[in-house]
Amino acid sequence: MPHISLPEGLPGISSGFAFRPETAKPMRELAHILLHGPNTLSPAERELIATYVSSQNDCFFCQTSHGAAAAAHLGNQADTVNQVKHNFLQADISPKLKALLVIAGQVQKGGKHVSPESVQNAKQLGATDIEIHDTVLIAAAFCMYNRYVDGLATWQPSDPAMYASMGEHLATHGYLTSSQNNKQ
């Protein structure tokens, strides 16, 4: 049961967004830029970063919805998503993404946990400054999104089919509402 009177029937972050649309707009725009906009990291890689951080924060809604989006980008490879959530160092992903996930995990613990060694390792594996920047920002933003979802005790359905559908929608259309998409 949510801590405040949120709109009923809207899962996770959607209920908070509906409750306060004026704050939803910039939060959606940030997620869209970070996860769906042009970038040298693929949308799947960026969704995996969001999924990993959300799993470390134990946010069921975010790790499941963004994991479904990552799986959709990967051609429905849910196994890769589960590997990243449970032991990304053994996952079938690039060494560069593994290095970026180390940084994301350090951000999840606290910004001052990011070490020069982890940044240098990511650079040696081909990560650019913007990819490191965006990894840090995705990790930081998802700490906020996770705390927003869980801090309001939003409704988080357990139906895997609902998350698969949501993930497919996010992978295809991104994070903006139709009115925000029309303005771009």
Protein backbone atom coordinates (compact mmCIF):
# COMPACT_ATOMS: atom_id res chain seq x y z
CA MET A 1 0.00 0.00 0.00
CA PRO A 2 1.50 3.35 -1.02
CA HIS A 3 2.47 5.77 1.72
CA ILE A 4 0.40 8.55 0.12
CA SER A 5 -2.71 8.60 -2.08
CA LEU A 6 -1.23 7.79 -5.48
CA PRO A 7 -3.37 7.16 -8.56
CA GLU A 8 -4.54 3.55 -8.50
CA GLY A 9 -3.65 1.00 -11.14
CA LEU A 10 -0.39 2.65 -12.21
CA PRO A 11 2.69 0.58 -11.45
CA GLY A 12 5.93 1.82 -9.93
CA ILE A 13 7.22 5.18 -11.00
CA SER A 14 4.18 5.79 -13.23
CA SER A 15 2.00 6.48 -10.20
CA GLY A 16 4.44 9.06 -8.83
CA PHE A 17 4.66 10.67 -12.26
CA ALA A 18 0.86 10.86 -12.51
CA PHE A 19 0.66 12.30 -8.98
CA ARG A 20 3.09 15.12 -9.81
CA PRO A 21 3.38 15.63 -13.59
CA GLU A 22 5.50 18.77 -13.28
CA THR A 23 8.33 16.76 -11.72
CA ALA A 24 7.70 13.79 -14.02
CA LYS A 25 8.53 15.82 -17.12
CA PRO A 26 12.23 16.46 -16.38
CA MET A 27 12.67 13.01 -14.84
CA ARG A 28 11.30 11.38 -18.02
CA GLU A 29 13.47 13.63 -20.19
CA LEU A 30 16.59 12.67 -18.24
CA ALA A 31 15.80 8.95 -18.51
CA HIS A 32 15.13 9.33 -22.24
CA ILE A 33 18.41 11.13 -22.91
CA LEU A 34 20.44 8.71 -20.80
CA LEU A 35 18.86 5.44 -21.93
CA HIS A 36 17.31 6.05 -25.33
CA GLY A 37 19.09 9.02 -26.91
CA PRO A 38 22.10 8.95 -29.22
CA ASN A 39 25.18 7.52 -27.53
CA THR A 40 28.21 5.37 -28.27
CA LEU A 41 26.95 2.93 -25.63
CA SER A 42 24.09 0.88 -27.01
CA PRO A 43 20.63 1.23 -25.47
CA ALA A 44 21.02 -2.36 -24.22
CA GLU A 45 24.27 -1.47 -22.43
CA ARG A 46 22.72 1.59 -20.83
CA GLU A 47 19.63 -0.38 -19.75
CA LEU A 48 21.93 -3.02 -18.25
CA ILE A 49 23.66 -0.31 -16.20
CA ALA A 50 20.25 0.91 -14.95
CA THR A 51 19.17 -2.67 -14.24
CA TYR A 52 22.35 -3.50 -12.34
CA VAL A 53 22.14 -0.41 -10.13
CA SER A 54 18.44 -1.04 -9.49
CA SER A 55 19.18 -4.65 -8.52
CA GLN A 56 21.88 -3.48 -6.12
CA ASN A 57 19.33 -1.08 -4.61
CA ASP A 58 16.81 -3.95 -4.43
CA CYS A 59 14.19 -1.95 -6.35
CA PHE A 60 12.00 -4.68 -7.82
CA PHE A 61 10.04 -2.43 -10.19
CA CYS A 62 13.07 -0.71 -11.74
CA GLN A 63 15.30 -3.77 -12.02
CA THR A 64 12.45 -5.74 -13.60
CA SER A 65 11.18 -3.08 -16.00
CA HIS A 66 14.64 -1.95 -17.13
CA GLY A 67 15.81 -5.54 -17.25
CA ALA A 68 12.90 -6.24 -19.61
CA ALA A 69 13.91 -3.23 -21.73
CA ALA A 70 17.51 -4.50 -21.85
CA ALA A 71 16.29 -7.97 -22.81
CA ALA A 72 14.15 -6.47 -25.58
CA HIS A 73 17.17 -4.58 -26.94
CA LEU A 74 19.19 -7.81 -26.77
CA GLY A 75 16.65 -9.83 -28.74
CA ASN A 76 14.91 -11.17 -25.62
CA GLN A 77 18.09 -12.45 -23.96
CA ALA A 78 16.82 -12.46 -20.39
CA ASP A 79 19.71 -14.77 -19.42
CA THR A 80 22.22 -11.98 -20.06
CA VAL A 81 20.17 -9.61 -17.91
CA ASN A 82 20.07 -12.14 -15.06
CA GLN A 83 23.82 -12.73 -15.38
CA VAL A 84 24.46 -8.99 -15.10
CA LYS A 85 22.24 -8.69 -12.04
CA HIS A 86 23.84 -11.64 -10.21
CA ASN A 87 27.47 -11.72 -11.36
CA PHE A 88 28.27 -9.32 -14.18
CA LEU A 89 31.95 -10.30 -14.17
CA GLN A 90 30.89 -13.73 -15.49
CA ALA A 91 28.21 -12.36 -17.86
CA ASP A 92 28.48 -12.59 -21.63
CA ILE A 93 29.12 -8.85 -22.07
CA SER A 94 32.12 -6.85 -23.22
CA PRO A 95 35.08 -6.18 -20.93
CA LYS A 96 34.38 -2.45 -21.36
CA LEU A 97 30.81 -2.83 -20.08
CA LYS A 98 32.09 -4.90 -17.14
CA ALA A 99 34.48 -2.06 -16.27
CA LEU A 100 31.64 0.47 -16.53
CA LEU A 101 29.47 -1.71 -14.28
CA VAL A 102 32.26 -1.63 -11.68
CA ILE A 103 32.01 2.17 -11.76
CA ALA A 104 28.20 2.03 -11.62
CA GLY A 105 28.41 -0.22 -8.56
CA GLN A 106 30.79 2.19 -6.88
CA VAL A 107 28.41 5.10 -7.57
CA GLN A 108 25.54 3.04 -6.14
CA LYS A 109 27.47 2.77 -2.87
CA GLY A 110 28.28 6.50 -2.92
CA GLY A 111 29.91 8.92 -5.33
CA LYS A 112 33.15 9.05 -3.39
CA HIS A 113 33.55 5.28 -3.85
CA VAL A 114 34.48 5.72 -7.52
CA SER A 115 38.19 5.03 -7.69
CA PRO A 116 40.75 6.43 -10.12
CA GLU A 117 41.79 2.83 -10.79
CA SER A 118 38.31 1.80 -11.94
CA VAL A 119 38.10 4.82 -14.24
CA GLN A 120 41.57 4.12 -15.64
CA ASN A 121 40.66 0.47 -16.20
CA ALA A 122 37.51 1.48 -18.09
CA LYS A 123 39.55 3.86 -20.25
CA GLN A 124 42.12 1.14 -20.97
CA LEU A 125 39.25 -1.08 -22.14
CA GLY A 126 38.05 1.61 -24.55
CA ALA A 127 35.56 3.65 -22.52
CA THR A 128 35.42 7.30 -23.50
CA ASP A 129 35.03 10.20 -21.11
CA ILE A 130 31.38 10.63 -22.14
CA GLU A 131 30.70 6.92 -21.59
CA ILE A 132 32.19 7.17 -18.10
CA HIS A 133 30.22 10.36 -17.47
CA ASP A 134 26.99 8.77 -18.64
CA THR A 135 27.61 5.61 -16.60
CA VAL A 136 28.04 7.73 -13.46
CA LEU A 137 24.94 9.77 -14.27
CA ILE A 138 22.82 6.69 -15.08
CA ALA A 139 23.90 5.10 -11.79
CA ALA A 140 23.23 8.28 -9.81
CA ALA A 141 19.87 8.87 -11.52
CA PHE A 142 18.77 5.31 -10.89
CA CYS A 143 19.61 5.60 -7.23
CA MET A 144 17.18 8.53 -7.23
CA TYR A 145 14.53 6.73 -9.32
CA ASN A 146 14.81 3.60 -7.15
CA ARG A 147 14.41 5.59 -3.95
CA TYR A 148 11.46 7.49 -5.46
CA VAL A 149 9.65 4.24 -6.36
CA ASP A 150 10.39 2.48 -3.08
CA GLY A 151 10.18 5.56 -0.86
CA LEU A 152 6.55 6.04 -1.86
CA ALA A 153 5.88 2.29 -1.56
CA THR A 154 4.40 2.27 -5.06
CA TRP A 155 2.42 -0.68 -6.39
CA GLN A 156 4.81 -3.13 -8.03
CA PRO A 157 3.00 -5.92 -9.85
CA SER A 158 4.60 -9.35 -10.08
CA ASP A 159 3.29 -10.42 -13.52
CA PRO A 160 6.33 -11.08 -15.77
CA ALA A 161 4.21 -10.54 -18.91
CA MET A 162 3.39 -6.99 -17.81
CA TYR A 163 7.10 -6.21 -17.42
CA ALA A 164 7.95 -7.83 -20.76
CA SER A 165 5.35 -5.64 -22.47
CA MET A 166 6.62 -2.56 -20.63
CA GLY A 167 10.22 -3.40 -21.56
CA GLU A 168 9.31 -3.78 -25.22
CA HIS A 169 7.51 -0.42 -25.13
CA LEU A 170 10.47 1.31 -23.45
CA ALA A 171 12.95 -0.23 -25.90
CA THR A 172 10.85 0.85 -28.88
CA HIS A 173 9.51 4.24 -27.79
CA GLY A 174 11.74 5.44 -24.95
CA TYR A 175 10.69 7.39 -21.89
CA LEU A 176 8.83 10.45 -23.10
CA THR A 177 5.08 10.76 -23.16
CA SER A 178 3.44 11.14 -26.55
CA SER A 179 3.06 14.90 -25.97
CA GLN A 180 6.78 15.20 -25.12
CA ASN A 181 7.68 13.18 -28.25
CA ASN A 182 5.57 15.50 -30.41
CA LYS A 183 7.55 18.55 -29.22
CA GLN A 184 10.88 17.11 -30.31
